[in-house]
Amino acid sequence: MGYNVLFIIADDLNDWLGCYDGHPNTKTPNIDAFAENAVRFTCAYASTPLCNPARTALLTGKAPWNTGIYNNQIWFRDVPDLSKTVTLPQSFKNQGYFTASAGKVFHRDCDVDDPPSWSKYCGHWGGGGKPHPDNMLKHGIHHKLYSRYFREYLDFYPSETSVLETGDWHNAKWVANMVRNRKDQFFIAYGACKPHLPWYVPQEYFDMHPLDSIKLPPIKKSRYGAYELKQPEHPDKDNDNRRSPFKVLRAHNKLHEAIQGYLAAVSYTDDCFGQIINMLDTDREKREKTIVIVTSDHGYQLGEQKTWAKYNQWQRANRIPLLIRVPGLNPGVCHEPVSSLDIYPTLMDLCGLTAPHELDGNNLKSLLYNVYQDQNRIVHMSSTDGSSYSISRDKRYYYVNVKDGSDKLYDMYEDENQWRNVANRDENVSIVERFKKEIPDFVEPILPFKLDQLKLDHNLKKERESLIQKMKRNRKIGI
């Protein structure tokens, strides 16, 4: 049999890590030290920028455009055609591995998130603790936000909980002990709930990022470059400020505090990771038998393009960190475009296992052995409604195919901030056409109200098949 696997996935973690040079205030020493001994993929993307569909795609090996799962409401095992899908950890379990999980791996908050996948489950989603109730939503802007989700969860304040008592830390400790104590082959997963909103983590992580040192991401104010944002003279009278978190945070001078909260949550997540990886690396024999993957479900936008959060078409919401350490392989940096869909087939090959069904991703093994290979790869991403736009990325260009025809093309070599849409330039016509030919066909989204009809159709189909088989048997015996 092949290697052990330690699979670590964070929630809403973008590329604001030291090893990715994502933000000047980032402090992630544990992940950065790990990256020095791993292959770091600089051009890795989620299949879609939303928790459930991104995790479902990664863990089933089936892309959203082939399953119809683009939203957070549909659990894949409730869909008749997907109910028996063998997940990534389930495939290891079926082929003799012990599998265990703690925290948020699948997007399902319950006692056991997916029973067929795990031999053992910690049953605890985690988090960074909570502030005193009097300090929740103390910023005073929640009532100005248009979205109920942001009114409830867009908050950033130190929690009262000690680090040792926080949920993510508890789960990391559980995983670290599980890794230390297992003698048989394992696939063990850790899902950090941070840096997902709300940004409540212990005080020491806010102290790591003093408010007066926080830098805002570059935001374009004119065709000539980025300029510091000016606060409106009368923020409460600006109707536009009710439209989005970014505009509300900007109008009320809260952007620095919000970004401090995100950076604090990232540093807390880094410490949780450190607890696990340090436990593994103290056991030299086990380290030399264990593949480690560190990634995120998708990225997160914090003001770039005057946009906040995920579920959008920009780079920072779709790009993910992806670090893979394989025993015996040299570390390196790979600039080929890759997808979170590629993790499933890669692990199957590296561990000498058989994939249980056709997988939509590509095997990264050859890139792990030679990070300088030029494979002319294109990766695809979907919108969170499955229809308004799709994204395609090769090594140089980032293409957004928009349903209304307002396509976008960004030259990431020359314009990493995505400030100049060059889709309509004559010299880029052939590039746009090449991308258009590569876009996969998208199935319609499965919406909650459609799920009952799918189940009914499935049951009727089974009843018809059963009736046909019964009629065939009756003919054979002369009834």
Protein backbone atom coordinates (compact mmCIF):
# COMPACT_ATOMS: atom_id res chain seq x y z
CA MET A 1 0.00 0.00 0.00
CA GLY A 2 1.01 3.66 -0.48
CA TYR A 3 1.56 6.73 1.65
CA ASN A 4 -0.43 8.10 4.56
CA VAL A 5 -2.28 11.34 3.79
CA LEU A 6 -2.72 14.40 5.99
CA PHE A 7 -5.24 16.69 4.30
CA ILE A 8 -5.67 20.23 5.66
CA ILE A 9 -8.26 22.65 4.32
CA ALA A 10 -9.06 26.13 5.62
CA ASP A 11 -12.26 28.11 5.10
CA ASP A 12 -12.19 31.32 3.03
CA LEU A 13 -8.38 31.42 3.09
CA ASN A 14 -7.09 33.46 0.17
CA ASP A 15 -3.44 33.94 -0.82
CA TRP A 16 -2.64 36.26 2.10
CA LEU A 17 0.15 33.98 3.29
CA GLY A 18 3.79 34.93 3.66
CA CYS A 19 4.89 32.26 1.20
CA TYR A 20 2.54 33.77 -1.42
CA ASP A 21 3.46 37.43 -0.77
CA GLY A 22 -0.26 38.08 -0.68
CA HIS A 23 -0.34 40.95 1.85
CA PRO A 24 2.46 42.93 3.53
CA ASN A 25 0.95 42.49 7.03
CA THR A 26 0.55 38.72 6.83
CA LYS A 27 2.17 36.64 9.58
CA THR A 28 2.01 32.89 8.91
CA PRO A 29 5.33 31.41 10.08
CA ASN A 30 4.15 27.80 10.34
CA ILE A 31 2.69 27.57 6.83
CA ASP A 32 5.67 29.50 5.44
CA ALA A 33 8.14 27.05 7.01
CA PHE A 34 6.14 24.13 5.65
CA ALA A 35 6.11 25.69 2.16
CA GLU A 36 9.92 25.64 2.07
CA ASN A 37 9.75 21.84 1.96
CA ALA A 38 6.72 21.47 -0.31
CA VAL A 39 5.69 22.18 -3.88
CA ARG A 40 3.88 25.51 -3.92
CA PHE A 41 1.37 26.04 -6.72
CA THR A 42 1.07 29.76 -7.48
CA CYS A 43 -1.77 29.44 -9.97
CA ALA A 44 -4.24 27.16 -8.16
CA TYR A 45 -7.98 27.76 -8.25
CA ALA A 46 -11.18 26.50 -6.70
CA SER A 47 -13.83 25.18 -9.07
CA THR A 48 -16.25 27.82 -7.76
CA PRO A 49 -15.99 30.50 -5.06
CA LEU A 50 -18.51 29.16 -2.52
CA CYS A 51 -18.08 26.66 0.33
CA ASN A 52 -20.43 23.76 -0.41
CA PRO A 53 -20.02 23.48 -4.19
CA ALA A 54 -16.23 23.96 -3.99
CA ARG A 55 -15.82 21.31 -1.28
CA THR A 56 -18.27 18.94 -2.95
CA ALA A 57 -16.31 19.19 -6.20
CA LEU A 58 -12.94 18.64 -4.52
CA LEU A 59 -14.11 15.70 -2.42
CA THR A 60 -16.20 13.93 -5.09
CA GLY A 61 -13.94 14.70 -8.04
CA LYS A 62 -16.99 15.98 -9.94
CA ALA A 63 -17.07 19.57 -11.20
CA PRO A 64 -20.06 21.82 -10.44
CA TRP A 65 -20.82 22.14 -14.15
CA ASN A 66 -21.27 18.35 -14.28
CA THR A 67 -23.28 17.93 -11.06
CA GLY A 68 -25.42 21.07 -10.99
CA ILE A 69 -24.33 21.84 -7.42
CA TYR A 70 -23.48 25.54 -7.41
CA ASN A 71 -24.99 26.62 -4.07
CA ASN A 72 -24.81 25.89 -0.35
CA GLN A 73 -28.29 24.38 -0.05
CA ILE A 74 -27.82 21.04 -1.83
CA TRP A 75 -26.14 18.12 -0.06
CA PHE A 76 -24.82 15.86 -2.79
CA ARG A 77 -26.06 12.61 -1.21
CA ASP A 78 -29.62 13.95 -1.44
CA VAL A 79 -29.31 14.07 -5.23
CA PRO A 80 -30.36 10.66 -6.64
CA ASP A 81 -27.69 10.51 -9.35
CA LEU A 82 -24.95 11.48 -6.85
CA SER A 83 -26.08 9.68 -3.71
CA LYS A 84 -23.70 6.74 -4.14
CA THR A 85 -20.69 8.81 -5.22
CA VAL A 86 -17.47 7.61 -3.62
CA THR A 87 -15.69 10.57 -2.06
CA LEU A 88 -11.94 11.06 -1.77
CA PRO A 89 -11.67 9.87 1.86
CA GLN A 90 -14.24 7.14 1.20
CA SER A 91 -12.08 5.81 -1.61
CA PHE A 92 -9.16 5.51 0.82
CA LYS A 93 -11.43 3.87 3.40
CA ASN A 94 -12.76 1.36 0.85
CA GLN A 95 -9.21 0.41 -0.07
CA GLY A 96 -8.01 -0.38 3.44
CA TYR A 97 -7.12 2.95 5.03
CA PHE A 98 -8.23 4.31 8.38
CA THR A 99 -9.96 7.65 7.72
CA ALA A 100 -10.67 10.37 10.26
CA SER A 101 -11.74 13.97 10.25
CA ALA A 102 -12.13 16.95 12.56
CA GLY A 103 -13.62 20.35 11.79
CA LYS A 104 -15.13 21.57 8.55
CA VAL A 105 -14.10 19.31 5.70
CA PHE A 106 -17.44 18.74 4.00
CA HIS A 107 -19.90 21.64 4.17
CA ARG A 108 -22.30 19.94 6.56
CA ASP A 109 -22.61 20.82 10.22
CA CYS A 110 -23.80 17.68 11.98
CA ASP A 111 -22.58 14.87 14.24
CA VAL A 112 -20.91 13.06 11.32
CA ASP A 113 -20.72 15.14 8.16
CA ASP A 114 -20.54 12.16 5.78
CA PRO A 115 -20.66 8.73 7.51
CA PRO A 116 -19.53 6.69 4.44
CA SER A 117 -16.30 8.72 4.28
CA TRP A 118 -14.95 8.32 7.79
CA SER A 119 -13.85 5.57 10.13
CA LYS A 120 -13.87 8.16 12.92
CA TYR A 121 -15.15 11.72 13.13
CA CYS A 122 -14.50 14.32 15.82
CA GLY A 123 -17.94 15.89 15.34
CA HIS A 124 -16.94 19.48 16.05
CA TRP A 125 -16.91 22.32 13.51
CA GLY A 126 -14.65 24.62 15.50
CA GLY A 127 -14.06 28.36 15.41
CA GLY A 128 -11.98 30.95 17.28
CA GLY A 129 -14.18 31.56 20.32
CA LYS A 130 -16.50 34.51 20.95
CA PRO A 131 -16.29 37.99 22.44
CA HIS A 132 -18.50 39.08 25.29
CA PRO A 133 -22.03 39.68 23.91
CA ASP A 134 -21.66 43.40 24.60
CA ASN A 135 -18.75 43.49 22.15
CA MET A 136 -20.47 41.67 19.28
CA LEU A 137 -21.33 43.94 16.35
CA LYS A 138 -19.81 46.77 18.32
CA HIS A 139 -18.75 48.45 15.07
CA GLY A 140 -22.35 49.68 14.74
CA ILE A 141 -22.65 49.31 10.97
CA HIS A 142 -24.52 46.00 10.72
CA HIS A 143 -27.93 47.64 10.24
CA LYS A 144 -26.60 49.45 7.17
CA LEU A 145 -25.76 46.26 5.25
CA TYR A 146 -28.14 44.97 2.60
CA SER A 147 -27.49 41.28 3.24
CA ARG A 148 -28.83 39.45 6.29
CA TYR A 149 -25.76 37.22 6.18
CA PHE A 150 -23.39 40.17 6.52
CA ARG A 151 -25.60 41.87 9.09
CA GLU A 152 -25.16 38.80 11.30
CA TYR A 153 -21.61 37.68 10.53
CA LEU A 154 -19.51 40.61 9.31
CA ASP A 155 -17.83 41.29 12.63
CA PHE A 156 -14.25 41.58 13.88
CA TYR A 157 -13.38 41.63 17.56
CA PRO A 158 -11.10 39.66 19.88
CA SER A 159 -12.74 36.66 21.51
CA GLU A 160 -12.73 36.16 25.27
CA THR A 161 -11.83 32.49 24.83
CA SER A 162 -8.28 31.35 25.52
CA VAL A 163 -6.51 29.79 22.54
CA LEU A 164 -6.47 26.36 24.16
CA GLU A 165 -10.27 26.39 24.49
CA THR A 166 -11.14 27.49 20.95
CA GLY A 167 -12.82 25.09 18.55
CA ASP A 168 -10.26 25.09 15.74
CA TRP A 169 -7.44 24.60 18.25
CA HIS A 170 -9.34 21.71 19.85
CA ASN A 171 -9.82 20.07 16.46
CA ALA A 172 -6.17 20.60 15.53
CA LYS A 173 -5.09 18.96 18.79
CA TRP A 174 -7.44 16.02 18.10
CA VAL A 175 -5.96 15.57 14.62
CA ALA A 176 -2.38 15.93 15.89
CA ASN A 177 -2.97 13.18 18.47
CA MET A 178 -4.66 11.00 15.87
CA VAL A 179 -1.67 11.39 13.54
CA ARG A 180 0.74 10.59 16.37
CA ASN A 181 -1.08 7.49 17.60
CA ARG A 182 -2.10 5.72 14.38
CA LYS A 183 0.00 2.70 13.52
CA ASP A 184 -1.99 1.65 10.44
CA GLN A 185 -2.24 3.59 7.18
CA PHE A 186 -4.40 6.66 7.39
CA PHE A 187 -6.12 9.47 5.58
CA ILE A 188 -6.69 12.14 8.24
CA ALA A 189 -8.31 15.47 7.46
CA TYR A 190 -8.41 18.74 9.37
CA GLY A 191 -10.87 21.48 8.41
CA ALA A 192 -10.16 24.89 9.94
CA CYS A 193 -13.29 27.02 10.29
CA LYS A 194 -11.24 30.19 10.17
CA PRO A 195 -10.62 32.59 8.58
CA HIS A 196 -14.36 32.41 7.78
CA LEU A 197 -16.55 35.15 9.25
CA PRO A 198 -17.04 36.27 11.95
CA TRP A 199 -13.44 37.24 12.64
CA TYR A 200 -13.45 36.35 16.31
CA VAL A 201 -10.08 34.97 17.48
CA PRO A 202 -8.11 35.49 20.71
CA GLN A 203 -6.58 38.88 21.47
CA GLU A 204 -2.97 37.84 20.81
CA TYR A 205 -3.70 37.44 17.10
CA PHE A 206 -5.10 40.96 16.84
CA ASP A 207 -1.99 42.16 18.69
CA MET A 208 0.13 40.60 15.93
CA HIS A 209 -1.44 43.09 13.50
CA PRO A 210 -1.52 46.59 15.07
CA LEU A 211 -4.31 48.66 13.56
CA ASP A 212 -2.06 51.59 12.68
CA SER A 213 0.14 49.28 10.56
CA ILE A 214 -2.65 47.75 8.45
CA LYS A 215 -2.35 48.41 4.73
CA LEU A 216 -5.33 48.34 2.42
CA PRO A 217 -5.09 46.33 -0.80
CA PRO A 218 -4.52 48.40 -3.94
CA ILE A 219 -7.80 49.73 -5.30
CA LYS A 220 -8.07 51.42 -8.67
CA LYS A 221 -9.53 54.91 -8.64
CA SER A 222 -8.71 55.94 -12.19
CA ARG A 223 -7.30 54.47 -15.36
CA TYR A 224 -3.86 55.62 -14.27
CA GLY A 225 -3.41 53.69 -11.05
CA ALA A 226 -4.37 53.09 -7.44
CA TYR A 227 -5.08 55.89 -5.01
CA GLU A 228 -5.92 55.96 -1.33
CA LEU A 229 -9.66 55.80 -0.72
CA LYS A 230 -11.32 58.99 0.49
CA GLN A 231 -14.15 58.82 2.99
CA PRO A 232 -17.48 60.36 1.92
CA GLU A 233 -18.27 63.64 3.69
CA HIS A 234 -21.71 62.39 4.74
CA PRO A 235 -21.61 58.58 4.81
CA ASP A 236 -25.09 58.17 6.28
CA LYS A 237 -26.61 60.19 3.44
CA ASP A 238 -24.93 58.19 0.68
CA ASN A 239 -27.57 55.67 -0.47
CA ASP A 240 -24.90 53.70 -2.30
CA ASN A 241 -23.37 52.68 1.02
CA ARG A 242 -26.24 50.31 1.76
CA ARG A 243 -25.41 48.17 -1.26
CA SER A 244 -22.33 46.25 -0.21
CA PRO A 245 -20.04 45.49 2.73
CA PHE A 246 -17.14 47.24 1.01
CA LYS A 247 -19.04 50.50 0.60
CA VAL A 248 -20.36 50.42 4.15
CA LEU A 249 -16.94 49.64 5.61
CA ARG A 250 -15.33 52.37 3.53
CA ALA A 251 -17.98 54.97 4.31
CA HIS A 252 -17.66 54.40 8.05
CA ASN A 253 -13.87 54.11 8.10
CA LYS A 254 -13.89 50.45 9.12
CA LEU A 255 -11.83 48.88 6.32
CA HIS A 256 -8.61 48.79 8.35
CA GLU A 257 -10.37 47.16 11.30
CA ALA A 258 -12.02 44.54 9.09
CA ILE A 259 -8.75 43.66 7.38
CA GLN A 260 -7.04 43.47 10.78
CA GLY A 261 -9.72 40.94 11.78
CA TYR A 262 -9.13 38.81 8.70
CA LEU A 263 -5.34 38.87 9.14
CA ALA A 264 -5.76 37.93 12.82
CA ALA A 265 -7.95 34.98 11.83
CA VAL A 266 -5.34 33.87 9.26
CA SER A 267 -2.57 33.99 11.88
CA TYR A 268 -4.74 31.99 14.28
CA THR A 269 -5.34 29.38 11.55
CA ASP A 270 -1.59 29.24 10.96
CA ASP A 271 -1.00 28.45 14.64
CA CYS A 272 -3.59 25.66 14.53
CA PHE A 273 -1.83 24.23 11.48
CA GLY A 274 1.49 24.45 13.28
CA GLN A 275 0.22 22.27 16.10
CA ILE A 276 -0.53 19.47 13.61
CA ILE A 277 2.50 19.68 11.35
CA ASN A 278 4.92 19.96 14.28
CA MET A 279 3.45 16.78 15.75
CA LEU A 280 3.91 14.94 12.45
CA ASP A 281 7.42 16.21 11.83
CA THR A 282 8.72 15.12 15.24
CA ASP A 283 8.12 11.53 14.12
CA ARG A 284 10.69 11.14 11.35
CA GLU A 285 9.50 7.70 10.28
CA LYS A 286 5.90 8.82 9.98
CA ARG A 287 6.86 12.03 8.20
CA GLU A 288 8.69 10.00 5.55
CA LYS A 289 5.52 8.00 4.90
CA THR A 290 2.99 10.86 4.84
CA ILE A 291 1.83 13.13 2.02
CA VAL A 292 0.65 16.52 3.34
CA ILE A 293 -1.74 18.78 1.43
CA VAL A 294 -2.59 22.31 2.60
CA THR A 295 -5.27 24.24 0.74
CA SER A 296 -8.51 26.24 1.02
CA ASP A 297 -12.02 25.81 -0.33
CA HIS A 298 -11.74 29.14 -2.23
CA GLY A 299 -10.35 32.63 -1.79
CA TYR A 300 -11.77 35.86 -0.40
CA GLN A 301 -12.00 39.43 -1.65
CA LEU A 302 -11.21 42.26 0.79
CA GLY A 303 -11.74 45.45 -1.18
CA GLU A 304 -9.97 44.73 -4.45
CA GLN A 305 -12.17 45.91 -7.33
CA LYS A 306 -14.26 47.55 -4.57
CA THR A 307 -15.68 44.10 -3.87
CA TRP A 308 -16.03 42.15 -0.64
CA ALA A 309 -16.23 38.42 0.18
CA LYS A 310 -16.40 35.47 -2.20
CA TYR A 311 -18.90 34.43 -4.94
CA ASN A 312 -17.49 36.81 -7.54
CA GLN A 313 -15.44 36.61 -10.71
CA TRP A 314 -12.18 38.15 -9.49
CA GLN A 315 -8.86 36.45 -8.92
CA ARG A 316 -8.62 36.82 -5.13
CA ALA A 317 -12.01 35.15 -4.58
CA ASN A 318 -11.14 32.16 -6.79
CA ARG A 319 -7.42 31.63 -6.24
CA ILE A 320 -6.41 29.23 -3.47
CA PRO A 321 -3.17 28.33 -1.75
CA LEU A 322 -2.10 24.79 -2.64
CA LEU A 323 0.95 23.23 -0.99
CA ILE A 324 1.81 19.56 -1.46
CA ARG A 325 4.65 17.77 0.32
CA VAL A 326 5.47 14.28 -0.92
CA PRO A 327 8.20 12.30 0.88
CA GLY A 328 11.36 12.12 -1.20
CA LEU A 329 10.35 14.82 -3.68
CA ASN A 330 12.20 18.11 -3.94
CA PRO A 331 10.38 21.30 -2.95
CA GLY A 332 9.71 23.86 -5.63
CA VAL A 333 7.39 26.45 -7.09
CA CYS A 334 5.03 25.55 -9.94
CA HIS A 335 3.38 28.24 -12.06
CA GLU A 336 1.15 25.96 -14.14
CA PRO A 337 -2.60 26.56 -13.67
CA VAL A 338 -4.14 23.82 -11.52
CA SER A 339 -7.51 23.18 -9.92
CA SER A 340 -8.72 21.83 -6.59
CA LEU A 341 -10.38 19.16 -8.76
CA ASP A 342 -6.86 17.83 -9.42
CA ILE A 343 -6.30 16.76 -5.80
CA TYR A 344 -8.43 13.59 -5.98
CA PRO A 345 -6.77 11.98 -9.04
CA THR A 346 -3.32 13.04 -7.83
CA LEU A 347 -3.71 11.31 -4.47
CA MET A 348 -5.10 8.18 -6.10
CA ASP A 349 -1.97 7.88 -8.24
CA LEU A 350 0.56 8.83 -5.56
CA CYS A 351 -0.89 6.26 -3.15
CA GLY A 352 -1.27 3.52 -5.75
CA LEU A 353 -5.06 3.38 -5.42
CA THR A 354 -7.79 2.90 -8.00
CA ALA A 355 -10.16 5.77 -8.70
CA PRO A 356 -13.75 4.59 -8.09
CA HIS A 357 -15.23 6.57 -10.99
CA GLU A 358 -14.23 8.98 -13.72
CA LEU A 359 -12.75 12.13 -12.19
CA ASP A 360 -12.99 15.61 -13.69
CA GLY A 361 -9.57 16.79 -12.51
CA ASN A 362 -6.09 16.10 -13.83
CA ASN A 363 -3.24 14.22 -12.19
CA LEU A 364 -0.54 16.59 -10.87
CA LYS A 365 2.06 13.89 -10.30
CA SER A 366 4.24 14.89 -13.25
CA LEU A 367 4.26 18.53 -12.05
CA LEU A 368 5.23 17.43 -8.56
CA TYR A 369 8.23 15.61 -10.03
CA ASN A 370 9.08 18.47 -12.39
CA VAL A 371 7.64 21.86 -11.45
CA TYR A 372 9.06 23.48 -14.59
CA GLN A 373 7.00 21.48 -17.05
CA ASP A 374 5.01 23.61 -19.47
CA GLN A 375 1.75 21.72 -20.00
CA ASN A 376 -0.30 24.54 -21.58
CA ARG A 377 -3.02 23.83 -19.06
CA ILE A 378 -6.33 25.70 -18.80
CA VAL A 379 -8.44 25.46 -15.64
CA HIS A 380 -12.10 26.42 -15.39
CA MET A 381 -14.27 27.93 -12.70
CA SER A 382 -18.00 28.43 -12.49
CA SER A 383 -20.18 31.14 -11.04
CA THR A 384 -22.24 30.32 -7.98
CA ASP A 385 -25.44 30.27 -10.01
CA GLY A 386 -24.03 28.17 -12.85
CA SER A 387 -25.05 30.56 -15.60
CA SER A 388 -24.09 34.25 -15.21
CA TYR A 389 -20.41 33.77 -16.02
CA SER A 390 -17.58 31.26 -16.17
CA ILE A 391 -13.83 31.75 -15.73
CA SER A 392 -10.93 30.15 -17.56
CA ARG A 393 -7.27 30.60 -16.71
CA ASP A 394 -4.07 29.65 -18.48
CA LYS A 395 -0.58 30.56 -17.35
CA ARG A 396 -0.82 34.13 -18.62
CA TYR A 397 -4.46 35.12 -19.12
CA TYR A 398 -7.56 35.22 -16.92
CA TYR A 399 -10.73 35.11 -19.02
CA VAL A 400 -14.29 35.75 -17.81
CA ASN A 401 -17.05 34.66 -20.18
CA VAL A 402 -20.10 36.70 -19.16
CA LYS A 403 -23.63 35.75 -20.14
CA ASP A 404 -24.53 39.32 -21.18
CA GLY A 405 -21.57 39.44 -23.58
CA SER A 406 -19.39 41.79 -21.54
CA ASP A 407 -16.43 39.41 -21.57
CA LYS A 408 -13.23 40.24 -19.70
CA LEU A 409 -9.63 39.27 -20.40
CA TYR A 410 -6.74 40.15 -18.12
CA ASP A 411 -3.06 39.76 -18.88
CA MET A 412 -1.84 38.56 -15.47
CA TYR A 413 1.82 39.04 -16.45
CA GLU A 414 1.24 42.75 -16.98
CA ASP A 415 -1.81 43.43 -14.80
CA GLU A 416 -1.99 41.25 -11.70
CA ASN A 417 -4.54 43.62 -10.12
CA GLN A 418 -6.97 43.02 -13.02
CA TRP A 419 -7.45 46.71 -13.73
CA ARG A 420 -7.32 46.61 -17.54
CA ASN A 421 -9.80 44.54 -19.52
CA VAL A 422 -8.09 43.76 -22.84
CA ALA A 423 -10.77 41.47 -24.27
CA ASN A 424 -11.73 43.92 -27.03
CA ARG A 425 -8.25 44.58 -28.36
CA ASP A 426 -7.76 43.35 -31.91
CA GLU A 427 -4.59 41.47 -31.05
CA ASN A 428 -6.47 39.43 -28.42
CA VAL A 429 -9.37 38.19 -30.55
CA SER A 430 -7.73 34.81 -31.14
CA ILE A 431 -6.96 34.43 -27.42
CA VAL A 432 -10.61 35.04 -26.48
CA GLU A 433 -11.80 32.60 -29.15
CA ARG A 434 -9.39 29.94 -27.89
CA PHE A 435 -10.78 30.26 -24.38
CA LYS A 436 -14.37 30.14 -25.63
CA LYS A 437 -13.73 26.83 -27.36
CA GLU A 438 -12.42 25.34 -24.10
CA ILE A 439 -15.38 26.30 -21.88
CA PRO A 440 -17.14 23.15 -20.65
CA ASP A 441 -20.88 22.65 -21.04
CA PHE A 442 -22.71 23.65 -17.89
CA VAL A 443 -25.65 21.65 -16.56
CA GLU A 444 -28.52 23.55 -14.97
CA PRO A 445 -28.21 24.24 -11.25
CA ILE A 446 -30.04 21.97 -8.83
CA LEU A 447 -32.12 24.28 -6.69
CA PRO A 448 -33.89 23.24 -3.48
CA PHE A 449 -37.34 23.33 -5.07
CA LYS A 450 -36.10 21.08 -7.90
CA LEU A 451 -34.63 18.48 -5.57
CA ASP A 452 -38.00 17.00 -4.57
CA GLN A 453 -38.90 16.56 -8.23
CA LEU A 454 -35.56 14.84 -8.90
CA LYS A 455 -36.21 12.43 -6.03
CA LEU A 456 -39.76 11.76 -7.28
CA ASP A 457 -38.52 11.12 -10.84
CA HIS A 458 -35.82 8.81 -9.48
CA ASN A 459 -38.32 6.79 -7.43
CA LEU A 460 -40.72 6.53 -10.36
CA LYS A 461 -37.86 5.31 -12.56
CA LYS A 462 -36.95 2.64 -9.99
CA GLU A 463 -40.57 1.54 -9.74
CA ARG A 464 -40.82 1.25 -13.55
CA GLU A 465 -37.60 -0.76 -13.70
CA SER A 466 -38.84 -3.05 -10.94
CA LEU A 467 -42.16 -3.55 -12.73
CA ILE A 468 -40.41 -4.37 -16.02
CA GLN A 469 -38.18 -6.92 -14.29
CA LYS A 470 -41.22 -8.49 -12.63
CA MET A 471 -43.05 -8.74 -15.97
CA LYS A 472 -39.98 -10.40 -17.56
CA ARG A 473 -39.80 -12.96 -14.74
CA ASN A 474 -43.54 -13.69 -15.09
CA ARG A 475 -43.16 -14.34 -18.82
CA LYS A 476 -40.35 -16.82 -18.20
CA ILE A 477 -42.45 -18.89 -15.81
CA GLY A 478 -45.57 -18.64 -17.95
CA ILE A 479 -47.77 -16.48 -15.74
